[in-house]
Protein backbone atom coordinates (compact mmCIF):
# COMPACT_ATOMS: atom_id res chain seq x y z
CA MET A 1 17.64 22.87 9.57
CA ASP A 2 14.60 21.78 8.61
CA THR A 3 12.35 20.33 11.45
CA THR A 4 9.05 19.38 9.33
CA SER A 5 7.85 15.87 8.97
CA THR A 6 8.11 14.22 5.94
CA SER A 7 6.31 11.14 7.28
CA PRO A 8 3.79 9.82 4.58
CA THR A 9 0.32 9.90 5.34
CA TRP A 10 -0.83 6.21 5.54
CA ILE A 11 -4.14 4.99 4.26
CA LYS A 12 -6.14 1.67 4.77
CA SER A 13 -8.45 0.40 2.62
CA SER A 14 -12.15 1.04 3.51
CA LEU A 15 -12.66 -2.84 2.45
CA SER A 16 -10.28 -3.86 5.20
CA PHE A 17 -11.07 -6.63 7.11
CA SER A 18 -11.64 -5.92 11.09
CA ASN A 19 -9.51 -8.88 12.20
CA GLY A 20 -6.32 -6.65 11.12
CA ASN A 21 -5.25 -8.69 7.92
CA CYS A 22 -4.77 -5.58 5.50
CA VAL A 23 -2.23 -3.65 4.20
CA GLU A 24 -1.87 0.39 4.22
CA VAL A 25 -0.72 2.45 1.19
CA ALA A 26 0.72 5.89 1.09
CA GLY A 27 2.35 8.14 -1.60
CA ASP A 28 5.88 9.78 -1.14
CA GLY A 29 5.98 11.76 -4.08
CA ALA A 30 7.13 9.57 -7.49
CA THR A 31 6.51 6.57 -5.40
CA VAL A 32 3.59 4.41 -3.78
CA LEU A 33 4.76 2.45 -0.30
CA VAL A 34 2.86 -0.61 1.15
CA ARG A 35 3.00 -1.76 4.42
CA ASP A 36 1.40 -4.39 6.99
CA SER A 37 -1.15 -2.70 9.03
CA LYS A 38 0.09 -4.99 11.92
CA ASN A 39 3.67 -3.82 11.87
CA PRO A 40 3.72 -0.48 10.95
CA GLY A 41 7.61 -0.15 11.48
CA GLY A 42 8.25 -3.12 9.57
CA PRO A 43 9.64 -3.38 6.04
CA ARG A 44 7.88 -1.55 3.11
CA LEU A 45 7.63 -2.32 -0.23
CA ARG A 46 8.22 0.54 -2.56
CA PHE A 47 6.70 0.92 -6.17
CA THR A 48 6.85 3.31 -8.83
CA ARG A 49 3.45 4.92 -9.81
CA ALA A 50 3.29 3.08 -13.05
CA GLU A 51 3.99 -0.14 -11.48
CA TRP A 52 1.26 0.56 -8.75
CA GLN A 53 -1.23 1.31 -11.76
CA ALA A 54 -0.59 -1.97 -13.34
CA PHE A 55 -0.89 -3.62 -10.19
CA LEU A 56 -4.45 -2.05 -9.59
CA ALA A 57 -5.33 -2.55 -13.00
CA GLY A 58 -4.39 -6.44 -12.70
CA ALA A 59 -6.37 -6.72 -9.65
CA ARG A 60 -9.48 -4.92 -10.93
CA GLY A 61 -9.28 -7.10 -13.98
CA GLY A 62 -9.19 -10.55 -11.97
CA GLU A 63 -5.72 -10.99 -12.45
CA PHE A 64 -4.93 -12.26 -8.90
CA ASP A 65 -8.22 -14.02 -8.16
CA HIS A 66 -6.79 -17.46 -8.44
CA LEU A 67 -4.60 -16.72 -5.61
CA SER A 68 -7.28 -16.34 -2.81
CA ALA A 69 -8.51 -19.87 -3.41
């Protein structure tokens, strides 16, 4: 039986707010996982690498700027 841990390593953005309103991301091979840092045992979103890259490109390009108003 293999007892090595396969838990992903979660990373919080260096731009996170100190009030805890942030998400964490982790890679688990072919996918990227996203979770609420205030609820690490809660649900996780799972994206393919291509979906995650598309999201990042949209965020960098201002695609979601209207949502922060």
